[in-house]
Amino acid sequence: MTTIILQGDLDVFGAVELRRAVWRAGRAAHLRLDLAKVTFIDVAGARTLLWAHRRARGRVSIANPPDGVIRLLRLLDFDRYLEVDTLAGDVVPNALHVGPAPHRRGEDPPSDDPTARDPVGPAGREADPPCPPGAP
C-alpha cells in the first residue's frame, strides 16, 4: 500500500502536485490518499481524485476526508466512483506528503496516458449535467 498525505488547498495548483505524487507512486496495488489535512477543495481537486482512481491499476481509497470534501464529492456524484474511508488509519512512515507549492509559470502538469479516457468528459472538460425532466 502506498499512502499520499495531502495538506492545504486541493485546488488547481494542489491538483498538479497530487498528479505528480500519483505519478511518482506508480501503479501501486493499493493507493491511499489521506485528506485529513486538506483545508479546501474545488472541482479541479475533486477531478484529480477521480483521475487518480482511473489511473491506478489497483485499489484507490480516500482516507479521512473533511466534511467539505465529502460534501463536494457527493454534490458532484464522484462518491459513486471513489472509495471513501472516514475512519482514521495507521500512520505510514514512508508516505508521500503533498502540500502547497509555489506556482511556477510555464510549468505544465505531468501528461496523462494518451490512451486513457477522462471519466468526466472529453478534453479535460466536465460533461454537461443531466437536465431535469420538463426542462428546456
C-alpha atoms as a PDB file:
ATOM      1  CA  MET A   1       0.000   0.000   0.000  1.00  0.00           C
ATOM      2  CA  THR A   2       1.250   3.468  -0.920  1.00  0.00           C
ATOM      3  CA  THR A   3      -0.092   6.416   1.062  1.00  0.00           C
ATOM      4  CA  ILE A   4      -0.086  10.001  -0.135  1.00  0.00           C
ATOM      5  CA  ILE A   5      -0.825  12.542   2.595  1.00  0.00           C
ATOM      6  CA  LEU A   6      -2.299  15.771   1.254  1.00  0.00           C
ATOM      7  CA  GLN A   7      -2.384  19.059   3.130  1.00  0.00           C
ATOM      8  CA  GLY A   8      -3.544  22.591   2.435  1.00  0.00           C
ATOM      9  CA  ASP A   9      -5.629  23.503  -0.591  1.00  0.00           C
ATOM     10  CA  LEU A  10      -6.546  20.892  -3.162  1.00  0.00           C
ATOM     11  CA  ASP A  11      -7.299  23.396  -5.903  1.00  0.00           C
ATOM     12  CA  VAL A  12      -5.923  23.800  -9.425  1.00  0.00           C
ATOM     13  CA  PHE A  13      -2.368  24.226  -8.067  1.00  0.00           C
ATOM     14  CA  GLY A  14      -2.651  21.472  -5.446  1.00  0.00           C
ATOM     15  CA  ALA A  15      -4.057  19.173  -8.125  1.00  0.00           C
ATOM     16  CA  VAL A  16      -0.793  19.500 -10.076  1.00  0.00           C
ATOM     17  CA  GLU A  17       1.165  18.429  -7.003  1.00  0.00           C
ATOM     18  CA  LEU A  18      -1.208  15.498  -6.411  1.00  0.00           C
ATOM     19  CA  ARG A  19      -0.789  14.327 -10.025  1.00  0.00           C
ATOM     20  CA  ARG A  20       2.982  14.427  -9.627  1.00  0.00           C
ATOM     21  CA  ALA A  21       2.774  12.406  -6.410  1.00  0.00           C
ATOM     22  CA  VAL A  22       0.497   9.823  -8.031  1.00  0.00           C
ATOM     23  CA  TRP A  23       2.919   9.514 -10.959  1.00  0.00           C
ATOM     24  CA  ARG A  24       5.826   9.041  -8.520  1.00  0.00           C
ATOM     25  CA  ALA A  25       3.859   6.369  -6.659  1.00  0.00           C
ATOM     26  CA  GLY A  26       3.494   4.373  -9.869  1.00  0.00           C
ATOM     27  CA  ARG A  27       0.770   1.828 -10.294  1.00  0.00           C
ATOM     28  CA  ALA A  28       0.537   0.583  -6.727  1.00  0.00           C
ATOM     29  CA  ALA A  29      -1.751  -2.300  -5.806  1.00  0.00           C
ATOM     30  CA  HIS A  30      -3.425  -0.001  -3.243  1.00  0.00           C
ATOM     31  CA  LEU A  31      -3.108   3.777  -3.310  1.00  0.00           C
ATOM     32  CA  ARG A  32      -4.389   5.533  -0.188  1.00  0.00           C
ATOM     33  CA  LEU A  33      -4.969   9.294  -0.361  1.00  0.00           C
ATOM     34  CA  ASP A  34      -5.119  10.764   3.159  1.00  0.00           C
ATOM     35  CA  LEU A  35      -7.056  14.044   3.081  1.00  0.00           C
ATOM     36  CA  ALA A  36      -7.201  14.751   6.829  1.00  0.00           C
ATOM     37  CA  LYS A  37      -5.156  17.962   6.471  1.00  0.00           C
ATOM     38  CA  VAL A  38      -6.909  19.305   3.353  1.00  0.00           C
ATOM     39  CA  THR A  39      -8.377  22.715   4.182  1.00  0.00           C
ATOM     40  CA  PHE A  40     -10.064  23.455   0.842  1.00  0.00           C
ATOM     41  CA  ILE A  41     -11.065  21.536  -2.272  1.00  0.00           C
ATOM     42  CA  ASP A  42     -12.514  22.740  -5.550  1.00  0.00           C
ATOM     43  CA  VAL A  43     -13.696  20.962  -8.689  1.00  0.00           C
ATOM     44  CA  ALA A  44     -10.143  20.712 -10.059  1.00  0.00           C
ATOM     45  CA  GLY A  45      -9.068  18.890  -6.895  1.00  0.00           C
ATOM     46  CA  ALA A  46     -12.093  16.587  -6.975  1.00  0.00           C
ATOM     47  CA  ARG A  47     -11.463  15.766 -10.637  1.00  0.00           C
ATOM     48  CA  THR A  48      -7.852  14.917  -9.793  1.00  0.00           C
ATOM     49  CA  LEU A  49      -9.059  12.445  -7.166  1.00  0.00           C
ATOM     50  CA  LEU A  50     -11.180  10.839  -9.875  1.00  0.00           C
ATOM     51  CA  TRP A  51      -8.176  10.898 -12.251  1.00  0.00           C
ATOM     52  CA  ALA A  52      -6.071   9.085  -9.626  1.00  0.00           C
ATOM     53  CA  HIS A  53      -8.803   6.468  -9.338  1.00  0.00           C
ATOM     54  CA  ARG A  54      -8.817   5.955 -13.122  1.00  0.00           C
ATOM     55  CA  ARG A  55      -5.024   5.909 -13.438  1.00  0.00           C
ATOM     56  CA  ALA A  56      -4.353   3.405 -10.672  1.00  0.00           C
ATOM     57  CA  ARG A  57      -4.171  -0.213 -11.614  1.00  0.00           C
ATOM     58  CA  GLY A  58      -5.367  -1.397  -8.198  1.00  0.00           C
ATOM     59  CA  ARG A  59      -7.487  -0.066  -5.389  1.00  0.00           C
ATOM     60  CA  VAL A  60      -7.629   3.654  -4.531  1.00  0.00           C
ATOM     61  CA  SER A  61      -9.114   4.814  -1.256  1.00  0.00           C
ATOM     62  CA  ILE A  62      -9.770   8.307   0.060  1.00  0.00           C
ATOM     63  CA  ALA A  63      -8.976   8.352   3.786  1.00  0.00           C
ATOM     64  CA  ASN A  64     -10.046  10.837   6.460  1.00  0.00           C
ATOM     65  CA  PRO A  65     -11.774  13.380   4.214  1.00  0.00           C
ATOM     66  CA  PRO A  66     -13.045  16.533   5.949  1.00  0.00           C
ATOM     67  CA  ASP A  67     -16.781  17.259   5.764  1.00  0.00           C
ATOM     68  CA  GLY A  68     -16.309  19.806   2.966  1.00  0.00           C
ATOM     69  CA  VAL A  69     -14.548  17.226   0.804  1.00  0.00           C
ATOM     70  CA  ILE A  70     -17.290  14.658   1.355  1.00  0.00           C
ATOM     71  CA  ARG A  71     -19.935  17.277   0.592  1.00  0.00           C
ATOM     72  CA  LEU A  72     -18.285  18.233  -2.720  1.00  0.00           C
ATOM     73  CA  LEU A  73     -17.737  14.601  -3.770  1.00  0.00           C
ATOM     74  CA  ARG A  74     -21.416  13.878  -3.100  1.00  0.00           C
ATOM     75  CA  LEU A  75     -22.537  17.024  -4.908  1.00  0.00           C
ATOM     76  CA  LEU A  76     -20.515  16.059  -7.986  1.00  0.00           C
ATOM     77  CA  ASP A  77     -21.651  12.429  -7.622  1.00  0.00           C
ATOM     78  CA  PHE A  78     -17.983  11.363  -7.515  1.00  0.00           C
ATOM     79  CA  ASP A  79     -18.573   9.368  -4.325  1.00  0.00           C
ATOM     80  CA  ARG A  80     -20.176   6.797  -6.614  1.00  0.00           C
ATOM     81  CA  TYR A  81     -16.744   6.060  -8.123  1.00  0.00           C
ATOM     82  CA  LEU A  82     -14.390   6.735  -5.203  1.00  0.00           C
ATOM     83  CA  GLU A  83     -13.897   4.549  -2.145  1.00  0.00           C
ATOM     84  CA  VAL A  84     -14.173   6.899   0.851  1.00  0.00           C
ATOM     85  CA  ASP A  85     -12.928   5.776   4.273  1.00  0.00           C
ATOM     86  CA  THR A  86     -13.858   8.166   7.067  1.00  0.00           C
ATOM     87  CA  LEU A  87     -12.117   6.203   9.835  1.00  0.00           C
ATOM     88  CA  ALA A  88      -8.634   7.263  10.904  1.00  0.00           C
ATOM     89  CA  GLY A  89      -5.991   4.871   9.626  1.00  0.00           C
ATOM     90  CA  ASP A  90      -2.494   3.972  10.706  1.00  0.00           C
ATOM     91  CA  VAL A  91       0.296   6.466  10.195  1.00  0.00           C
ATOM     92  CA  VAL A  92       2.592   5.292   7.443  1.00  0.00           C
ATOM     93  CA  PRO A  93       6.195   6.461   7.968  1.00  0.00           C
ATOM     94  CA  ASN A  94       7.221   6.311   4.295  1.00  0.00           C
ATOM     95  CA  ALA A  95       4.168   8.142   2.983  1.00  0.00           C
ATOM     96  CA  LEU A  96       4.478  10.762   0.285  1.00  0.00           C
ATOM     97  CA  HIS A  97       3.449  14.216   1.573  1.00  0.00           C
ATOM     98  CA  VAL A  98       1.823  16.625  -0.828  1.00  0.00           C
ATOM     99  CA  GLY A  99       1.369  20.213   0.253  1.00  0.00           C
ATOM    100  CA  PRO A 100       1.052  23.609  -1.265  1.00  0.00           C
ATOM    101  CA  ALA A 101       3.900  24.525  -3.554  1.00  0.00           C
ATOM    102  CA  PRO A 102       4.642  27.798  -5.302  1.00  0.00           C
ATOM    103  CA  HIS A 103       3.221  28.039  -8.795  1.00  0.00           C
ATOM    104  CA  ARG A 104       5.951  28.038 -11.410  1.00  0.00           C
ATOM    105  CA  ARG A 105       4.950  29.896 -14.526  1.00  0.00           C
ATOM    106  CA  GLY A 106       5.393  27.915 -17.715  1.00  0.00           C
ATOM    107  CA  GLU A 107       5.431  24.553 -15.939  1.00  0.00           C
ATOM    108  CA  ASP A 108       2.854  22.039 -17.109  1.00  0.00           C
ATOM    109  CA  PRO A 109       1.406  19.201 -15.072  1.00  0.00           C
ATOM    110  CA  PRO A 110       2.564  15.722 -15.999  1.00  0.00           C
ATOM    111  CA  SER A 111       0.766  14.423 -19.045  1.00  0.00           C
ATOM    112  CA  ASP A 112      -1.777  11.645 -18.804  1.00  0.00           C
ATOM    113  CA  ASP A 113      -1.575   8.385 -20.616  1.00  0.00           C
ATOM    114  CA  PRO A 114      -2.857   9.446 -24.059  1.00  0.00           C
ATOM    115  CA  THR A 115      -4.805   6.217 -24.448  1.00  0.00           C
ATOM    116  CA  ALA A 116      -6.737   6.680 -21.187  1.00  0.00           C
ATOM    117  CA  ARG A 117     -10.122   8.342 -21.393  1.00  0.00           C
ATOM    118  CA  ASP A 118     -11.126  11.066 -18.945  1.00  0.00           C
ATOM    119  CA  PRO A 119     -14.108   9.753 -16.919  1.00  0.00           C
ATOM    120  CA  VAL A 120     -15.766  13.154 -16.557  1.00  0.00           C
ATOM    121  CA  GLY A 121     -15.658  14.406 -20.110  1.00  0.00           C
ATOM    122  CA  PRO A 122     -13.617  14.881 -23.258  1.00  0.00           C
ATOM    123  CA  ALA A 123     -10.606  17.189 -23.473  1.00  0.00           C
ATOM    124  CA  GLY A 124     -10.486  17.780 -19.736  1.00  0.00           C
ATOM    125  CA  ARG A 125     -13.905  19.413 -19.668  1.00  0.00           C
ATOM    126  CA  GLU A 126     -16.671  18.270 -17.419  1.00  0.00           C
ATOM    127  CA  ALA A 127     -19.630  16.599 -19.008  1.00  0.00           C
ATOM    128  CA  ASP A 128     -22.854  18.581 -19.138  1.00  0.00           C
ATOM    129  CA  PRO A 129     -25.098  17.846 -16.161  1.00  0.00           C
ATOM    130  CA  PRO A 130     -28.253  15.903 -16.914  1.00  0.00           C
ATOM    131  CA  CYS A 131     -31.353  18.052 -17.455  1.00  0.00           C
ATOM    132  CA  PRO A 132     -34.263  17.504 -15.087  1.00  0.00           C
ATOM    133  CA  PRO A 133     -37.490  16.213 -16.686  1.00  0.00           C
ATOM    134  CA  GLY A 134     -39.506  19.021 -18.282  1.00  0.00           C
ATOM    135  CA  ALA A 135     -36.541  21.411 -18.536  1.00  0.00           C
ATOM    136  CA  PRO A 136     -35.897  23.090 -21.897  1.00  0.00           C
END
